[in-house]
Each structure stands twice: as structure tokens, then as C-alpha cells.
């Protein structure tokens, strides 16, 4: 998906008249805003949520499989982060609620947060983010 996103970003000048395609290739905030101005709320939220959540399971699984090992390489702070603890799980869940991005998903995976909880938070937080982007775009235009 990183390759698809890179192609979308490189092709931006060619795709300016096709903001929905641009958003689906590369879901950057600027492209989300462009697509939001050409779609009504429900189709935009549906498409943007699918695209934004598409790679999230991979980030979570990377954290689950390799997160602890990678975190230990980051020195004392990384070793502290790598140990699954209740407070770390709570912080990981809080970060996911704020914004479910790759590093938050990986840390949640490394902390053994339940995958069903992560999926639910990921989808709900992403839907809220998409609604905010759509409403903000409509307000600014």
C-alpha cells in the first residue's frame, strides 16, 4: 500500500481533477479534503474509512509479532515500553482513540491489546476523523 500511496502522490498533478481517486490512492489530509468537497457525507466517510483502515491490521500484527523486540533496541525507554503492562495497554488504547495511526497500532499490538478492541476503536475513531474532515472542508469552502 505504501507503493500505491507513493504512486498517488507522484501522480497528484495528473489527478487533481479526480480527487476521489487521489484520496483512494493516497489518503493524505489534503486529498481527503479535496475528495470531501466533491462527495456527500456518507459516501465520503464510507470510502475514506475503508482506505484509511485498509493497512491497519498489518501495523497491529507487526507490533504483535515484532514490537517487543524492536522496542528493546531503543534503549532504556524502549525496554520500559516493551514490557506488556496494564498502564501501557491503557495508554495504547487512549492513543488509538485519539488517532489510530501505524505507530499507535503497532504499540497496541506489542502490548497484547485485544484485537477486537483495537478493530472497534480503529473503525470508530476513523469514522469520527472522516466526519470531522468532511465537516471542516464544508465549513472552509
N, C-alpha and C. Protein backbone atom coordinates (compact mmCIF):
# COMPACT_ATOMS: atom_id res chain seq x y z
N UNK A 1 0.83 -1.20 0.00
CA UNK A 1 0.00 0.00 0.00
C UNK A 1 0.87 1.26 0.00
N UNK A 2 2.06 1.16 0.56
CA UNK A 2 2.96 2.32 0.52
C UNK A 2 3.32 2.66 -0.91
N UNK A 3 3.51 1.64 -1.73
CA UNK A 3 3.80 1.87 -3.15
C UNK A 3 2.64 2.53 -3.86
N UNK A 4 1.42 2.08 -3.57
CA UNK A 4 0.22 2.69 -4.16
C UNK A 4 0.11 4.14 -3.73
N UNK A 5 0.36 4.40 -2.47
CA UNK A 5 0.30 5.76 -1.95
C UNK A 5 1.36 6.65 -2.61
N UNK A 6 2.55 6.10 -2.80
CA UNK A 6 3.62 6.87 -3.45
C UNK A 6 3.24 7.20 -4.89
N UNK A 7 2.66 6.23 -5.60
CA UNK A 7 2.22 6.47 -6.98
C UNK A 7 1.15 7.57 -6.99
N UNK A 8 0.22 7.50 -6.07
CA UNK A 8 -0.82 8.53 -5.99
C UNK A 8 -0.24 9.91 -5.74
N UNK A 9 0.74 9.99 -4.86
CA UNK A 9 1.35 11.28 -4.55
C UNK A 9 2.13 11.81 -5.75
N UNK A 10 2.87 10.94 -6.41
CA UNK A 10 3.64 11.36 -7.59
C UNK A 10 2.71 11.81 -8.71
N UNK A 11 1.57 11.16 -8.84
CA UNK A 11 0.62 11.48 -9.91
C UNK A 11 -0.35 12.60 -9.54
N UNK A 12 -0.12 13.26 -8.44
CA UNK A 12 -1.03 14.31 -7.98
C UNK A 12 -1.36 15.33 -9.07
N UNK A 13 -0.36 15.87 -9.79
CA UNK A 13 -0.72 16.87 -10.82
C UNK A 13 -1.67 16.32 -11.88
N UNK A 14 -1.56 15.03 -12.17
CA UNK A 14 -2.42 14.43 -13.19
C UNK A 14 -3.82 14.11 -12.66
N UNK A 15 -3.93 13.98 -11.33
CA UNK A 15 -5.20 13.53 -10.73
C UNK A 15 -5.96 14.64 -10.01
N UNK A 16 -5.54 15.88 -10.16
CA UNK A 16 -6.22 16.97 -9.45
C UNK A 16 -7.70 17.07 -9.81
N UNK A 17 -8.06 16.67 -10.99
CA UNK A 17 -9.47 16.70 -11.41
C UNK A 17 -10.23 15.45 -10.95
N UNK A 18 -9.53 14.52 -10.29
CA UNK A 18 -10.13 13.27 -9.82
C UNK A 18 -9.81 13.09 -8.33
N UNK A 19 -10.35 13.95 -7.47
CA UNK A 19 -9.97 13.91 -6.06
C UNK A 19 -10.33 12.62 -5.33
N UNK A 20 -11.38 11.94 -5.77
CA UNK A 20 -11.77 10.69 -5.10
C UNK A 20 -10.72 9.61 -5.40
N UNK A 21 -10.29 9.51 -6.64
CA UNK A 21 -9.25 8.57 -6.99
C UNK A 21 -7.95 8.91 -6.26
N UNK A 22 -7.64 10.17 -6.19
CA UNK A 22 -6.44 10.62 -5.48
C UNK A 22 -6.50 10.22 -4.01
N UNK A 23 -7.66 10.41 -3.38
CA UNK A 23 -7.84 10.02 -1.98
C UNK A 23 -7.69 8.52 -1.81
N UNK A 24 -8.24 7.74 -2.72
CA UNK A 24 -8.16 6.29 -2.60
C UNK A 24 -6.75 5.78 -2.81
N UNK A 25 -5.97 6.46 -3.64
CA UNK A 25 -4.58 6.06 -3.83
C UNK A 25 -3.70 6.51 -2.67
N UNK A 26 -3.89 7.74 -2.22
CA UNK A 26 -3.03 8.31 -1.19
C UNK A 26 -3.89 9.14 -0.22
N UNK A 27 -4.26 8.56 0.91
CA UNK A 27 -5.21 9.23 1.81
C UNK A 27 -4.57 10.28 2.72
N UNK A 28 -3.90 11.25 2.12
CA UNK A 28 -3.35 12.36 2.90
C UNK A 28 -4.48 13.33 3.21
N UNK A 29 -4.30 14.12 4.26
CA UNK A 29 -5.37 15.02 4.70
C UNK A 29 -5.77 15.97 3.58
N UNK A 30 -4.82 16.49 2.85
CA UNK A 30 -5.16 17.42 1.78
C UNK A 30 -6.02 16.75 0.72
N UNK A 31 -5.73 15.49 0.39
CA UNK A 31 -6.50 14.76 -0.61
C UNK A 31 -7.87 14.37 -0.05
N UNK A 32 -7.92 14.07 1.24
CA UNK A 32 -9.21 13.80 1.88
C UNK A 32 -10.10 15.03 1.79
N UNK A 33 -9.53 16.19 2.04
CA UNK A 33 -10.29 17.44 1.95
C UNK A 33 -10.79 17.71 0.55
N UNK A 34 -9.94 17.43 -0.43
CA UNK A 34 -10.36 17.64 -1.82
C UNK A 34 -11.52 16.70 -2.18
N UNK A 35 -11.43 15.45 -1.75
CA UNK A 35 -12.50 14.50 -2.04
C UNK A 35 -13.76 14.84 -1.26
N UNK A 36 -13.61 15.33 -0.05
CA UNK A 36 -14.78 15.68 0.77
C UNK A 36 -15.60 16.78 0.12
N UNK A 37 -14.93 17.66 -0.60
CA UNK A 37 -15.68 18.75 -1.24
C UNK A 37 -16.48 18.28 -2.46
N UNK A 38 -16.18 17.06 -2.93
CA UNK A 38 -16.91 16.57 -4.10
C UNK A 38 -17.84 15.39 -3.79
N UNK A 39 -17.91 14.98 -2.53
CA UNK A 39 -18.79 13.88 -2.13
C UNK A 39 -19.66 14.31 -0.96
N UNK A 40 -20.84 13.72 -0.89
CA UNK A 40 -21.67 13.97 0.29
C UNK A 40 -21.09 13.17 1.46
N UNK A 41 -21.60 13.41 2.65
CA UNK A 41 -21.01 12.88 3.87
C UNK A 41 -20.90 11.36 3.89
N UNK A 42 -21.99 10.65 3.68
CA UNK A 42 -21.96 9.19 3.82
C UNK A 42 -21.03 8.48 2.83
N UNK A 43 -21.08 8.80 1.54
CA UNK A 43 -20.13 8.14 0.64
C UNK A 43 -18.68 8.48 0.97
N UNK A 44 -18.44 9.73 1.36
CA UNK A 44 -17.08 10.12 1.72
C UNK A 44 -16.59 9.35 2.93
N UNK A 45 -17.39 9.31 3.98
CA UNK A 45 -16.99 8.60 5.20
C UNK A 45 -16.77 7.12 4.91
N UNK A 46 -17.64 6.53 4.13
CA UNK A 46 -17.51 5.11 3.79
C UNK A 46 -16.19 4.85 3.05
N UNK A 47 -15.95 5.58 1.98
CA UNK A 47 -14.74 5.36 1.18
C UNK A 47 -13.46 5.71 1.94
N UNK A 48 -13.47 6.84 2.62
CA UNK A 48 -12.27 7.26 3.34
C UNK A 48 -11.95 6.31 4.50
N UNK A 49 -12.97 5.83 5.19
CA UNK A 49 -12.74 4.89 6.29
C UNK A 49 -12.15 3.59 5.78
N UNK A 50 -12.67 3.09 4.68
CA UNK A 50 -12.11 1.86 4.10
C UNK A 50 -10.65 2.08 3.75
N UNK A 51 -10.34 3.16 3.08
CA UNK A 51 -8.96 3.40 2.64
C UNK A 51 -8.03 3.62 3.84
N UNK A 52 -8.47 4.38 4.82
CA UNK A 52 -7.61 4.66 5.97
C UNK A 52 -7.39 3.42 6.83
N UNK A 53 -8.38 2.54 6.91
CA UNK A 53 -8.27 1.34 7.76
C UNK A 53 -7.67 0.14 7.03
N UNK A 54 -7.44 0.27 5.75
CA UNK A 54 -7.01 -0.86 4.94
C UNK A 54 -5.73 -1.53 5.45
N UNK A 55 -4.75 -0.76 5.84
CA UNK A 55 -3.46 -1.34 6.25
C UNK A 55 -3.31 -1.45 7.77
N UNK A 56 -4.30 -1.01 8.51
CA UNK A 56 -4.18 -1.01 9.97
C UNK A 56 -3.96 -2.40 10.57
N UNK A 57 -4.61 -3.44 10.07
CA UNK A 57 -4.34 -4.77 10.64
C UNK A 57 -2.87 -5.18 10.50
N UNK A 58 -2.22 -4.76 9.43
CA UNK A 58 -0.81 -5.10 9.25
C UNK A 58 0.07 -4.42 10.30
N UNK A 59 -0.23 -3.15 10.60
CA UNK A 59 0.54 -2.45 11.64
C UNK A 59 0.35 -3.14 13.00
N UNK A 60 -0.89 -3.49 13.30
CA UNK A 60 -1.17 -4.17 14.56
C UNK A 60 -0.43 -5.50 14.64
N UNK A 61 -0.48 -6.28 13.57
CA UNK A 61 0.19 -7.59 13.56
C UNK A 61 1.71 -7.45 13.60
N UNK A 62 2.25 -6.42 12.97
CA UNK A 62 3.70 -6.18 13.08
C UNK A 62 4.08 -5.93 14.54
N UNK A 63 3.29 -5.12 15.21
CA UNK A 63 3.55 -4.87 16.63
C UNK A 63 3.41 -6.13 17.46
N UNK A 64 2.41 -6.93 17.14
CA UNK A 64 2.17 -8.17 17.88
C UNK A 64 3.35 -9.12 17.72
N UNK A 65 3.87 -9.23 16.50
CA UNK A 65 4.94 -10.20 16.21
C UNK A 65 6.34 -9.70 16.52
N UNK A 66 6.60 -8.40 16.27
CA UNK A 66 7.97 -7.91 16.35
C UNK A 66 8.14 -6.69 17.26
N UNK A 67 7.06 -6.15 17.77
CA UNK A 67 7.13 -4.89 18.51
C UNK A 67 8.02 -4.93 19.74
N UNK A 68 7.88 -5.97 20.53
CA UNK A 68 8.66 -6.06 21.76
C UNK A 68 10.15 -6.10 21.45
N UNK A 69 10.53 -6.86 20.45
CA UNK A 69 11.94 -7.00 20.06
C UNK A 69 12.49 -5.65 19.55
N UNK A 70 11.71 -4.96 18.75
CA UNK A 70 12.14 -3.67 18.19
C UNK A 70 12.23 -2.62 19.29
N UNK A 71 11.26 -2.58 20.18
CA UNK A 71 11.26 -1.59 21.25
C UNK A 71 12.46 -1.75 22.17
N UNK A 72 12.89 -2.95 22.40
CA UNK A 72 14.05 -3.18 23.28
C UNK A 72 15.31 -2.55 22.73
N UNK A 73 15.37 -2.37 21.44
CA UNK A 73 16.55 -1.76 20.81
C UNK A 73 16.62 -0.25 21.02
N UNK A 74 15.57 0.34 21.55
CA UNK A 74 15.50 1.79 21.71
C UNK A 74 16.04 2.27 23.05
N UNK A 75 16.82 1.47 23.72
CA UNK A 75 17.41 1.89 24.98
C UNK A 75 16.48 1.65 26.16
N UNK A 76 16.78 2.35 27.25
CA UNK A 76 16.04 2.14 28.49
C UNK A 76 14.54 2.44 28.33
N UNK A 77 14.22 3.55 27.66
CA UNK A 77 12.82 3.90 27.47
C UNK A 77 12.11 2.85 26.62
N UNK A 78 12.78 2.38 25.58
CA UNK A 78 12.21 1.33 24.74
C UNK A 78 11.99 0.04 25.50
N UNK A 79 12.94 -0.31 26.37
CA UNK A 79 12.76 -1.52 27.18
C UNK A 79 11.57 -1.36 28.12
N UNK A 80 11.40 -0.17 28.68
CA UNK A 80 10.25 0.09 29.56
C UNK A 80 8.95 -0.04 28.77
N UNK A 81 8.94 0.51 27.54
CA UNK A 81 7.75 0.42 26.70
C UNK A 81 7.45 -1.00 26.25
N UNK A 82 8.49 -1.82 26.12
CA UNK A 82 8.31 -3.15 25.55
C UNK A 82 7.62 -4.13 26.49
N UNK A 83 7.67 -3.88 27.79
CA UNK A 83 7.07 -4.82 28.74
C UNK A 83 5.56 -4.61 28.78
N UNK A 84 4.81 -5.65 28.41
CA UNK A 84 3.35 -5.53 28.49
C UNK A 84 2.90 -5.27 29.93
N UNK A 85 2.28 -4.15 30.14
CA UNK A 85 1.77 -3.78 31.46
C UNK A 85 0.39 -3.18 31.27
N UNK A 86 -0.40 -3.23 32.32
CA UNK A 86 -1.76 -2.70 32.25
C UNK A 86 -1.76 -1.22 31.88
N UNK A 87 -0.88 -0.43 32.49
CA UNK A 87 -0.88 1.01 32.19
C UNK A 87 -0.46 1.26 30.75
N UNK A 88 0.42 0.41 30.19
CA UNK A 88 0.79 0.56 28.79
C UNK A 88 -0.38 0.25 27.87
N UNK A 89 -1.16 -0.75 28.23
CA UNK A 89 -2.35 -1.08 27.42
C UNK A 89 -3.35 0.07 27.44
N UNK A 90 -3.54 0.66 28.61
CA UNK A 90 -4.47 1.79 28.73
C UNK A 90 -3.99 2.98 27.89
N UNK A 91 -2.69 3.26 27.95
CA UNK A 91 -2.13 4.35 27.14
C UNK A 91 -2.28 4.04 25.65
N UNK A 92 -2.00 2.80 25.27
CA UNK A 92 -2.12 2.40 23.86
C UNK A 92 -3.56 2.58 23.38
N UNK A 93 -4.51 2.18 24.18
CA UNK A 93 -5.93 2.35 23.82
C UNK A 93 -6.26 3.83 23.71
N UNK A 94 -5.78 4.63 24.64
CA UNK A 94 -6.00 6.08 24.58
C UNK A 94 -5.44 6.69 23.31
N UNK A 95 -4.24 6.28 22.92
CA UNK A 95 -3.64 6.79 21.68
C UNK A 95 -4.47 6.38 20.47
N UNK A 96 -4.99 5.17 20.49
CA UNK A 96 -5.84 4.72 19.38
C UNK A 96 -7.13 5.53 19.30
N UNK A 97 -7.68 5.87 20.44
CA UNK A 97 -8.91 6.67 20.45
C UNK A 97 -8.63 8.04 19.84
N UNK A 98 -7.49 8.63 20.18
CA UNK A 98 -7.15 9.95 19.65
C UNK A 98 -6.91 9.87 18.14
N UNK A 99 -6.10 8.90 17.71
CA UNK A 99 -5.84 8.74 16.27
C UNK A 99 -5.18 7.39 16.03
N UNK A 100 -5.87 6.50 15.35
CA UNK A 100 -5.32 5.17 15.11
C UNK A 100 -4.34 5.15 13.92
N UNK A 101 -3.12 5.59 14.17
CA UNK A 101 -2.08 5.60 13.13
C UNK A 101 -1.16 4.41 13.34
N UNK A 102 -0.30 4.16 12.39
CA UNK A 102 0.54 2.97 12.39
C UNK A 102 1.31 2.73 13.68
N UNK A 103 1.99 3.74 14.17
CA UNK A 103 2.81 3.52 15.38
C UNK A 103 1.94 3.22 16.61
N UNK A 104 0.75 3.81 16.69
CA UNK A 104 -0.15 3.51 17.81
C UNK A 104 -0.67 2.08 17.70
N UNK A 105 -1.00 1.68 16.48
CA UNK A 105 -1.48 0.31 16.26
C UNK A 105 -0.38 -0.71 16.56
N UNK A 106 0.86 -0.40 16.16
CA UNK A 106 1.96 -1.32 16.44
C UNK A 106 2.19 -1.46 17.94
N UNK A 107 2.14 -0.33 18.65
CA UNK A 107 2.35 -0.40 20.09
C UNK A 107 1.23 -1.18 20.76
N UNK A 108 0.00 -0.97 20.31
CA UNK A 108 -1.13 -1.74 20.86
C UNK A 108 -0.90 -3.23 20.62
N UNK A 109 -0.40 -3.57 19.45
CA UNK A 109 -0.09 -4.97 19.16
C UNK A 109 0.99 -5.51 20.08
N UNK A 110 2.03 -4.72 20.30
CA UNK A 110 3.12 -5.18 21.16
C UNK A 110 2.68 -5.31 22.61
N UNK A 111 1.65 -4.57 23.00
CA UNK A 111 1.15 -4.62 24.37
C UNK A 111 0.05 -5.65 24.55
N UNK A 112 -0.20 -6.44 23.51
CA UNK A 112 -1.19 -7.52 23.57
C UNK A 112 -2.61 -7.01 23.86
N UNK A 113 -2.94 -5.82 23.34
CA UNK A 113 -4.31 -5.34 23.44
C UNK A 113 -5.17 -6.25 22.57
N UNK A 114 -6.35 -6.58 23.03
CA UNK A 114 -7.26 -7.47 22.30
C UNK A 114 -7.53 -6.90 20.90
N UNK A 115 -7.35 -7.72 19.89
CA UNK A 115 -7.53 -7.30 18.51
C UNK A 115 -8.93 -6.80 18.20
N UNK A 116 -9.94 -7.38 18.85
CA UNK A 116 -11.32 -6.93 18.62
C UNK A 116 -11.53 -5.53 19.16
N UNK A 117 -10.91 -5.23 20.30
CA UNK A 117 -10.99 -3.88 20.88
C UNK A 117 -10.30 -2.89 19.95
N UNK A 118 -9.12 -3.27 19.47
CA UNK A 118 -8.36 -2.40 18.57
C UNK A 118 -9.16 -2.14 17.29
N UNK A 119 -9.75 -3.18 16.71
CA UNK A 119 -10.53 -3.02 15.47
C UNK A 119 -11.72 -2.09 15.69
N UNK A 120 -12.42 -2.26 16.80
CA UNK A 120 -13.58 -1.41 17.07
C UNK A 120 -13.16 0.05 17.26
N UNK A 121 -12.11 0.27 18.04
CA UNK A 121 -11.63 1.64 18.26
C UNK A 121 -11.12 2.23 16.95
N UNK A 122 -10.41 1.44 16.19
CA UNK A 122 -9.86 1.90 14.91
C UNK A 122 -10.97 2.39 13.99
N UNK A 123 -12.01 1.59 13.84
CA UNK A 123 -13.09 1.96 12.93
C UNK A 123 -13.86 3.17 13.43
N UNK A 124 -14.22 3.17 14.71
CA UNK A 124 -14.99 4.31 15.25
C UNK A 124 -14.17 5.59 15.19
N UNK A 125 -12.91 5.54 15.60
CA UNK A 125 -12.06 6.74 15.57
C UNK A 125 -11.86 7.24 14.15
N UNK A 126 -11.70 6.33 13.22
CA UNK A 126 -11.51 6.73 11.82
C UNK A 126 -12.78 7.34 11.25
N UNK A 127 -13.93 6.78 11.57
CA UNK A 127 -15.19 7.36 11.12
C UNK A 127 -15.35 8.78 11.66
N UNK A 128 -15.07 8.97 12.94
CA UNK A 128 -15.17 10.31 13.54
C UNK A 128 -14.20 11.26 12.85
N UNK A 129 -12.97 10.81 12.61
CA UNK A 129 -11.97 11.64 11.92
C UNK A 129 -12.49 12.04 10.54
N UNK A 130 -13.07 11.10 9.81
CA UNK A 130 -13.58 11.39 8.47
C UNK A 130 -14.75 12.37 8.50
N UNK A 131 -15.62 12.22 9.49
CA UNK A 131 -16.73 13.17 9.63
C UNK A 131 -16.19 14.57 9.92
N UNK A 132 -15.20 14.66 10.78
CA UNK A 132 -14.59 15.97 11.10
C UNK A 132 -13.94 16.57 9.85
N UNK A 133 -13.22 15.75 9.09
CA UNK A 133 -12.59 16.27 7.86
C UNK A 133 -13.68 16.77 6.91
N UNK A 134 -14.73 16.01 6.73
CA UNK A 134 -15.80 16.41 5.80
C UNK A 134 -16.47 17.69 6.27
N UNK A 135 -16.80 17.76 7.55
CA UNK A 135 -17.46 18.96 8.07
C UNK A 135 -16.54 20.17 8.02
N UNK A 136 -15.28 19.97 8.30
CA UNK A 136 -14.31 21.08 8.25
C UNK A 136 -14.16 21.59 6.83
N UNK A 137 -14.10 20.66 5.88
CA UNK A 137 -13.97 21.06 4.49
C UNK A 137 -15.18 21.84 4.03
N UNK A 138 -16.35 21.37 4.41
CA UNK A 138 -17.58 22.05 4.02
C UNK A 138 -17.66 23.45 4.66
N UNK A 139 -17.13 23.59 5.86
CA UNK A 139 -17.14 24.88 6.55
C UNK A 139 -16.17 25.85 5.90
N UNK A 140 -15.02 25.36 5.47
CA UNK A 140 -13.99 26.23 4.90
C UNK A 140 -14.27 26.62 3.47
N UNK A 141 -15.04 25.81 2.76
CA UNK A 141 -15.27 26.12 1.33
C UNK A 141 -16.48 26.99 1.16
